[in-house]
Amino acid sequence: MEIVLDLELQLESSRVLQALGVPPGRKEKRLELVEELLPRGRELVEPVILYDLFPVEEVHPGEVVLEEVRLRSKGLAKLWGQAQEVALILCTIGPALDEQVSAYFVASDPLSSLVLDAIGTAALEELAEEACRLIAEVAKGKGWEASAPLSPGNLDWGLEEQRVFFDLLPAEGIGLRLKESYQMTPLKSLSLAMGLGEEVLPPIEASPCTYCSLGRRCRYRRT
């Protein structure tokens, strides 16, 4: 089990504008506010990555069996049929930014609330990318490849499988809680799983959007 702290995120304005749904090159009032709030956003973000590796014991048509749990998904079983290990990862930027988003809203400043929330979304996305690079390096050290990341809610992997991460990782140690609805708090948190092995699918270069249940309904979808 590893906890990665002291991470520095770039938090570029272009990524924040993407989170806001602003087309590239478009000039508008929100761009000025993004630049104004980015320094505050950087102060509030407290990025943490928690992960561990688990040997794959068996793969059945409807599940991937790890040492202590079963990941119930036909899709995962198909994609990770050749994986030797699975990395379970939790990422969070902490609660401070969420609290400031709420404070702006209560203070009748919904635009600042919206923009700061987008800064948090951009930060979490960048943090997830850093986590994937980290696991890819771990796999490379073993002479293996790492798959693209997948999360509960992708494919036929039910959201209730979030509890697997909390069963196997000391999530409370980094301030994470799991609600009865299987949503995590703080809100800007994410669970990821990656297959590791000599031959894993999909490759890490593949867009995880390909396997997301939202499909083309998601405005953040990547091609």
Protein backbone atom coordinates (compact mmCIF):
# COMPACT_ATOMS: atom_id res chain seq x y z
CA MET A 1 0.00 0.00 0.00
CA GLU A 2 1.33 3.43 -0.95
CA ILE A 3 0.17 6.97 -0.13
CA VAL A 4 1.53 9.68 -2.43
CA LEU A 5 1.56 13.24 -1.07
CA ASP A 6 3.31 16.49 -1.98
CA LEU A 7 1.98 16.43 -5.52
CA GLU A 8 2.12 19.63 -7.55
CA LEU A 9 -0.65 20.04 -10.10
CA GLN A 10 -0.30 22.40 -13.05
CA LEU A 11 -3.98 23.42 -13.07
CA GLU A 12 -3.92 25.21 -16.40
CA SER A 13 -6.78 27.54 -17.28
CA SER A 14 -7.47 25.66 -20.52
CA ARG A 15 -8.32 22.52 -18.56
CA VAL A 16 -10.63 24.48 -16.27
CA LEU A 17 -12.42 26.01 -19.26
CA GLN A 18 -12.89 22.53 -20.68
CA ALA A 19 -14.52 21.51 -17.38
CA LEU A 20 -16.82 24.51 -17.77
CA GLY A 21 -17.74 23.43 -21.29
CA VAL A 22 -16.18 26.54 -22.89
CA PRO A 23 -14.98 25.91 -26.48
CA PRO A 24 -11.23 26.51 -27.06
CA GLY A 25 -10.40 30.10 -28.06
CA ARG A 26 -13.72 31.56 -26.95
CA LYS A 27 -13.42 34.76 -24.92
CA GLU A 28 -15.95 35.41 -22.18
CA LYS A 29 -16.32 36.71 -18.65
CA ARG A 30 -15.69 33.31 -17.09
CA LEU A 31 -12.14 33.28 -18.52
CA GLU A 32 -11.24 36.34 -16.43
CA LEU A 33 -12.77 34.74 -13.36
CA VAL A 34 -10.88 31.50 -13.98
CA GLU A 35 -7.58 33.42 -14.00
CA GLU A 36 -8.65 35.29 -10.88
CA LEU A 37 -9.65 32.18 -8.91
CA LEU A 38 -6.89 29.81 -10.03
CA PRO A 39 -4.41 30.95 -7.33
CA ARG A 40 -7.07 30.41 -4.67
CA GLY A 41 -7.90 27.03 -6.15
CA ARG A 42 -4.26 25.97 -6.00
CA GLU A 43 -4.17 26.91 -2.32
CA LEU A 44 -7.27 24.84 -1.54
CA VAL A 45 -6.33 21.69 -3.43
CA GLU A 46 -4.71 18.99 -1.28
CA PRO A 47 -4.01 16.12 -3.73
CA VAL A 48 -3.50 12.60 -2.43
CA ILE A 49 -3.14 9.25 -4.22
CA LEU A 50 -3.64 5.99 -2.34
CA TYR A 51 -3.07 2.68 -4.11
CA ASP A 52 -2.19 -0.96 -3.69
CA LEU A 53 -1.60 -3.93 -5.99
CA PHE A 54 -3.53 -7.19 -5.71
CA PRO A 55 -2.69 -10.48 -7.44
CA VAL A 56 -5.27 -11.86 -9.83
CA GLU A 57 -6.06 -15.38 -8.67
CA GLU A 58 -8.71 -16.36 -11.22
CA VAL A 59 -10.79 -14.85 -13.98
CA HIS A 60 -14.28 -16.20 -14.64
CA PRO A 61 -16.75 -15.04 -17.30
CA GLY A 62 -18.45 -12.68 -14.87
CA GLU A 63 -15.75 -11.69 -12.41
CA VAL A 64 -12.10 -11.06 -11.66
CA VAL A 65 -11.04 -12.81 -8.45
CA LEU A 66 -8.42 -11.04 -6.36
CA GLU A 67 -6.82 -12.29 -3.18
CA GLU A 68 -9.65 -11.11 -0.95
CA VAL A 69 -12.54 -9.94 -3.16
CA ARG A 70 -14.29 -10.46 -6.45
CA LEU A 71 -14.70 -7.69 -9.00
CA ARG A 72 -18.09 -8.56 -10.48
CA SER A 73 -18.19 -7.52 -14.11
CA LYS A 74 -18.28 -9.43 -17.37
CA GLY A 75 -16.56 -6.49 -19.04
CA LEU A 76 -13.64 -6.45 -16.62
CA ALA A 77 -13.25 -10.21 -16.93
CA LYS A 78 -13.05 -9.89 -20.70
CA LEU A 79 -10.62 -6.96 -20.69
CA TRP A 80 -8.37 -8.20 -17.91
CA GLY A 81 -8.36 -11.91 -18.67
CA GLN A 82 -4.56 -11.90 -18.98
CA ALA A 83 -3.75 -9.52 -16.10
CA GLN A 84 -1.40 -10.68 -13.36
CA GLU A 85 -2.30 -7.92 -10.92
CA VAL A 86 -4.91 -5.20 -10.44
CA ALA A 87 -4.09 -1.78 -9.02
CA LEU A 88 -6.86 -0.24 -6.92
CA ILE A 89 -6.46 3.52 -6.63
CA LEU A 90 -8.19 6.29 -4.70
CA CYS A 91 -7.57 9.94 -5.59
CA THR A 92 -8.84 13.02 -3.76
CA ILE A 93 -8.12 16.74 -3.69
CA GLY A 94 -9.49 16.99 -0.13
CA PRO A 95 -12.49 18.87 1.31
CA ALA A 96 -11.27 22.48 1.39
CA LEU A 97 -12.19 23.39 -2.18
CA ASP A 98 -15.67 21.86 -1.83
CA GLU A 99 -16.21 23.91 1.31
CA GLN A 100 -15.25 27.13 -0.48
CA VAL A 101 -17.55 26.27 -3.39
CA SER A 102 -20.41 25.98 -0.92
CA ALA A 103 -19.38 29.23 0.79
CA TYR A 104 -19.52 31.13 -2.50
CA PHE A 105 -22.97 29.71 -3.20
CA VAL A 106 -24.28 30.66 0.24
CA ALA A 107 -22.84 34.15 -0.26
CA SER A 108 -24.95 34.51 -3.43
CA ASP A 109 -21.96 34.29 -5.74
CA PRO A 110 -22.99 31.36 -7.96
CA LEU A 111 -20.56 32.21 -10.76
CA SER A 112 -17.53 32.01 -8.47
CA SER A 113 -18.97 28.81 -7.05
CA LEU A 114 -19.31 27.35 -10.56
CA VAL A 115 -15.81 28.35 -11.64
CA LEU A 116 -14.12 27.12 -8.45
CA ASP A 117 -15.98 23.82 -8.78
CA ALA A 118 -14.61 23.52 -12.34
CA ILE A 119 -11.12 24.18 -10.98
CA GLY A 120 -11.66 21.26 -8.61
CA THR A 121 -12.84 19.05 -11.46
CA ALA A 122 -9.76 19.96 -13.50
CA ALA A 123 -7.51 19.27 -10.52
CA LEU A 124 -9.05 15.84 -9.94
CA GLU A 125 -8.70 14.95 -13.61
CA GLU A 126 -5.03 15.95 -13.57
CA LEU A 127 -4.51 13.99 -10.36
CA ALA A 128 -6.07 10.89 -11.93
CA GLU A 129 -3.70 11.22 -14.89
CA GLU A 130 -0.76 11.41 -12.49
CA ALA A 131 -2.01 8.26 -10.75
CA CYS A 132 -2.17 6.44 -14.07
CA ARG A 133 1.39 7.50 -14.94
CA LEU A 134 2.51 6.27 -11.54
CA ILE A 135 0.94 2.83 -12.01
CA ALA A 136 2.32 2.63 -15.55
CA GLU A 137 5.82 3.14 -14.09
CA VAL A 138 5.17 0.44 -11.49
CA ALA A 139 4.12 -1.95 -14.26
CA LYS A 140 7.16 -1.02 -16.35
CA GLY A 141 9.40 -1.87 -13.40
CA LYS A 142 7.95 -5.38 -13.47
CA GLY A 143 8.42 -5.68 -17.22
CA TRP A 144 4.66 -5.41 -17.73
CA GLU A 145 2.10 -3.12 -19.28
CA ALA A 146 -0.69 -1.20 -17.56
CA SER A 147 -4.23 -0.92 -18.84
CA ALA A 148 -6.38 2.17 -19.21
CA PRO A 149 -8.13 3.07 -15.94
CA LEU A 150 -11.68 1.99 -15.25
CA SER A 151 -14.03 2.91 -12.41
CA PRO A 152 -17.21 1.47 -10.91
CA GLY A 153 -19.94 2.74 -13.21
CA ASN A 154 -17.95 1.86 -16.36
CA LEU A 155 -18.98 -1.11 -18.46
CA ASP A 156 -21.29 -3.34 -16.38
CA TRP A 157 -19.22 -2.72 -13.25
CA GLY A 158 -21.82 -1.51 -10.77
CA LEU A 159 -21.32 1.61 -8.66
CA GLU A 160 -21.86 -0.51 -5.53
CA GLU A 161 -18.41 -1.99 -6.24
CA GLN A 162 -16.98 1.23 -4.79
CA ARG A 163 -17.08 -0.62 -1.48
CA VAL A 164 -14.29 -2.93 -2.71
CA PHE A 165 -11.88 0.01 -2.64
CA PHE A 166 -12.91 0.87 0.91
CA ASP A 167 -12.68 -2.77 2.01
CA LEU A 168 -9.12 -3.15 0.73
CA LEU A 169 -7.61 0.32 1.09
CA PRO A 170 -7.29 2.46 4.25
CA ALA A 171 -9.45 5.18 2.72
CA GLU A 172 -10.31 6.84 6.03
CA GLY A 173 -6.61 7.51 6.53
CA ILE A 174 -6.75 10.05 3.69
CA GLY A 175 -10.11 11.46 4.76
CA LEU A 176 -12.39 9.51 2.41
CA ARG A 177 -15.84 8.22 3.33
CA LEU A 178 -18.35 6.14 1.38
CA LYS A 179 -22.03 7.09 1.55
CA GLU A 180 -24.89 4.62 1.47
CA SER A 181 -25.42 5.73 -2.14
CA TYR A 182 -21.81 4.59 -2.84
CA GLN A 183 -20.77 8.17 -3.59
CA MET A 184 -17.53 9.29 -2.01
CA THR A 185 -16.84 12.30 0.16
CA PRO A 186 -15.11 14.67 -0.31
CA LEU A 187 -16.95 15.12 -3.59
CA LYS A 188 -13.83 15.69 -5.64
CA SER A 189 -12.59 12.12 -5.22
CA LEU A 190 -12.25 9.24 -7.65
CA SER A 191 -11.68 5.49 -7.64
CA LEU A 192 -9.71 3.84 -10.43
CA ALA A 193 -8.64 0.31 -11.23
CA MET A 194 -5.95 -0.74 -13.69
CA GLY A 195 -4.86 -4.15 -14.88
CA LEU A 196 -1.15 -4.97 -14.94
CA GLY A 197 0.51 -7.76 -16.84
CA GLU A 198 2.42 -8.85 -19.89
CA GLU A 199 -0.69 -8.49 -22.00
CA VAL A 200 -3.59 -6.35 -20.81
CA LEU A 201 -6.53 -4.70 -22.56
CA PRO A 202 -7.42 -1.89 -23.04
CA PRO A 203 -3.96 -0.29 -23.29
CA ILE A 204 -3.25 2.74 -21.14
CA GLU A 205 -3.25 4.94 -24.25
CA ALA A 206 -6.92 4.14 -24.83
CA SER A 207 -9.51 6.65 -23.67
CA PRO A 208 -11.45 5.38 -20.65
CA CYS A 209 -14.44 7.18 -22.15
CA THR A 210 -14.75 4.25 -24.55
CA TYR A 211 -15.79 2.09 -21.60
CA CYS A 212 -17.85 4.64 -19.66
CA SER A 213 -21.58 4.03 -19.27
CA LEU A 214 -22.37 7.71 -20.02
CA GLY A 215 -21.04 7.36 -23.55
CA ARG A 216 -21.65 10.39 -25.74
CA ARG A 217 -24.04 11.94 -23.21
CA CYS A 218 -21.03 13.19 -21.20
CA ARG A 219 -19.82 16.69 -22.11
CA TYR A 220 -16.33 15.81 -20.84
CA ARG A 221 -16.02 12.88 -23.25
CA ARG A 222 -12.69 12.53 -25.01
CA THR A 223 -12.35 11.15 -28.52
